[in-house]
Amino acid sequence: MLQKLRTVIYKVADLQKAKEWYTSLAGTKPYFDEPFYVGFEIGGCELGLDPDMDNTKPGNQSTAYWAVADIGAAV
């Protein structure tokens, strides 16, 4: 049913520090770089950094989005 991982978004308390760390780790600069979101394209997938920590609870700091052929069937 799942085709591939499309996007993973991490909530980050310090966007600048996280951006620097992931830039070093991935060996590439973000393709999208704004104060509200930073996005990297890595191997056909997106790694996103979201600085909005409102309503974020410990252990709930990432969201993954998967590609599926039929969303109705997947749901």
C-alpha atoms as a PDB file:
ATOM      1  CA  MET A   1       0.000   0.000   0.000  1.00  0.00           C
ATOM      2  CA  LEU A   2       2.812   2.465   0.834  1.00  0.00           C
ATOM      3  CA  GLN A   3       4.827   3.583  -2.178  1.00  0.00           C
ATOM      4  CA  LYS A   4       7.567   5.687  -0.631  1.00  0.00           C
ATOM      5  CA  LEU A   5       8.382   8.134   2.082  1.00  0.00           C
ATOM      6  CA  ARG A   6       7.766  11.638   0.697  1.00  0.00           C
ATOM      7  CA  THR A   7       8.365  14.105   3.523  1.00  0.00           C
ATOM      8  CA  VAL A   8       9.502  14.156   7.136  1.00  0.00           C
ATOM      9  CA  ILE A   9       9.053  17.371   9.089  1.00  0.00           C
ATOM     10  CA  TYR A  10      10.843  17.921  12.382  1.00  0.00           C
ATOM     11  CA  LYS A  11       9.795  20.497  14.956  1.00  0.00           C
ATOM     12  CA  VAL A  12      12.883  22.408  16.053  1.00  0.00           C
ATOM     13  CA  ALA A  13      13.322  24.916  18.875  1.00  0.00           C
ATOM     14  CA  ASP A  14      16.339  26.601  17.234  1.00  0.00           C
ATOM     15  CA  LEU A  15      15.793  26.825  13.470  1.00  0.00           C
ATOM     16  CA  GLN A  16      19.198  28.341  12.676  1.00  0.00           C
ATOM     17  CA  LYS A  17      21.109  25.712  14.650  1.00  0.00           C
ATOM     18  CA  ALA A  18      19.048  22.874  13.131  1.00  0.00           C
ATOM     19  CA  LYS A  19      19.517  24.282   9.619  1.00  0.00           C
ATOM     20  CA  GLU A  20      23.287  24.409  10.091  1.00  0.00           C
ATOM     21  CA  TRP A  21      23.379  20.859  11.485  1.00  0.00           C
ATOM     22  CA  TYR A  22      21.269  19.345   8.688  1.00  0.00           C
ATOM     23  CA  THR A  23      23.189  21.306   6.033  1.00  0.00           C
ATOM     24  CA  SER A  24      26.389  19.749   7.345  1.00  0.00           C
ATOM     25  CA  LEU A  25      24.854  16.280   7.644  1.00  0.00           C
ATOM     26  CA  ALA A  26      23.201  16.284   4.207  1.00  0.00           C
ATOM     27  CA  GLY A  27      26.042  18.079   2.438  1.00  0.00           C
ATOM     28  CA  THR A  28      23.565  20.378   0.716  1.00  0.00           C
ATOM     29  CA  LYS A  29      21.893  23.713   1.396  1.00  0.00           C
ATOM     30  CA  PRO A  30      18.132  23.984   1.805  1.00  0.00           C
ATOM     31  CA  TYR A  31      16.106  24.649  -1.345  1.00  0.00           C
ATOM     32  CA  PHE A  32      13.567  26.606   0.751  1.00  0.00           C
ATOM     33  CA  ASP A  33      14.756  28.841   3.576  1.00  0.00           C
ATOM     34  CA  GLU A  34      12.293  31.082   5.392  1.00  0.00           C
ATOM     35  CA  PRO A  35      11.789  31.975   9.085  1.00  0.00           C
ATOM     36  CA  PHE A  36       8.691  29.731   9.217  1.00  0.00           C
ATOM     37  CA  TYR A  37      10.088  26.633   7.425  1.00  0.00           C
ATOM     38  CA  VAL A  38      13.332  25.249   6.008  1.00  0.00           C
ATOM     39  CA  GLY A  39      13.197  22.485   3.412  1.00  0.00           C
ATOM     40  CA  PHE A  40      15.895  20.183   2.079  1.00  0.00           C
ATOM     41  CA  GLU A  41      15.594  17.852  -0.928  1.00  0.00           C
ATOM     42  CA  ILE A  42      17.485  14.674  -0.109  1.00  0.00           C
ATOM     43  CA  GLY A  43      17.371  11.684  -2.415  1.00  0.00           C
ATOM     44  CA  GLY A  44      13.923  12.504  -3.778  1.00  0.00           C
ATOM     45  CA  CYS A  45      12.426  13.105  -0.344  1.00  0.00           C
ATOM     46  CA  GLU A  46      11.882  16.278   1.627  1.00  0.00           C
ATOM     47  CA  LEU A  47      13.331  16.952   5.054  1.00  0.00           C
ATOM     48  CA  GLY A  48      11.513  19.880   6.630  1.00  0.00           C
ATOM     49  CA  LEU A  49      12.329  21.927   9.706  1.00  0.00           C
ATOM     50  CA  ASP A  50       9.419  23.666  11.442  1.00  0.00           C
ATOM     51  CA  PRO A  51      10.179  26.159  14.244  1.00  0.00           C
ATOM     52  CA  ASP A  52       6.553  26.342  15.460  1.00  0.00           C
ATOM     53  CA  MET A  53       6.744  24.592  18.822  1.00  0.00           C
ATOM     54  CA  ASP A  54       3.212  25.597  19.932  1.00  0.00           C
ATOM     55  CA  ASN A  55       1.201  22.596  21.130  1.00  0.00           C
ATOM     56  CA  THR A  56       4.237  20.341  20.680  1.00  0.00           C
ATOM     57  CA  LYS A  57       4.591  17.676  23.331  1.00  0.00           C
ATOM     58  CA  PRO A  58       7.775  15.734  24.143  1.00  0.00           C
ATOM     59  CA  GLY A  59       8.090  12.736  21.861  1.00  0.00           C
ATOM     60  CA  ASN A  60       5.727  14.265  19.273  1.00  0.00           C
ATOM     61  CA  GLN A  61       8.157  16.359  17.282  1.00  0.00           C
ATOM     62  CA  SER A  62       8.060  14.846  13.806  1.00  0.00           C
ATOM     63  CA  THR A  63       5.527  14.069  11.099  1.00  0.00           C
ATOM     64  CA  ALA A  64       6.027  11.678   8.181  1.00  0.00           C
ATOM     65  CA  TYR A  65       4.077  11.758   4.936  1.00  0.00           C
ATOM     66  CA  TRP A  66       3.926   8.677   2.717  1.00  0.00           C
ATOM     67  CA  ALA A  67       2.944   8.373  -0.939  1.00  0.00           C
ATOM     68  CA  VAL A  68       0.147   5.901  -1.671  1.00  0.00           C
ATOM     69  CA  ALA A  69      -1.539   4.871  -4.905  1.00  0.00           C
ATOM     70  CA  ASP A  70      -5.099   5.195  -3.560  1.00  0.00           C
ATOM     71  CA  ILE A  71      -5.688   7.486  -0.586  1.00  0.00           C
ATOM     72  CA  GLY A  72      -9.239   6.192  -0.092  1.00  0.00           C
ATOM     73  CA  ALA A  73      -8.056   2.623   0.242  1.00  0.00           C
ATOM     74  CA  ALA A  74      -5.160   3.656   2.467  1.00  0.00           C
ATOM     75  CA  VAL A  75      -7.435   5.497   4.864  1.00  0.00           C
END
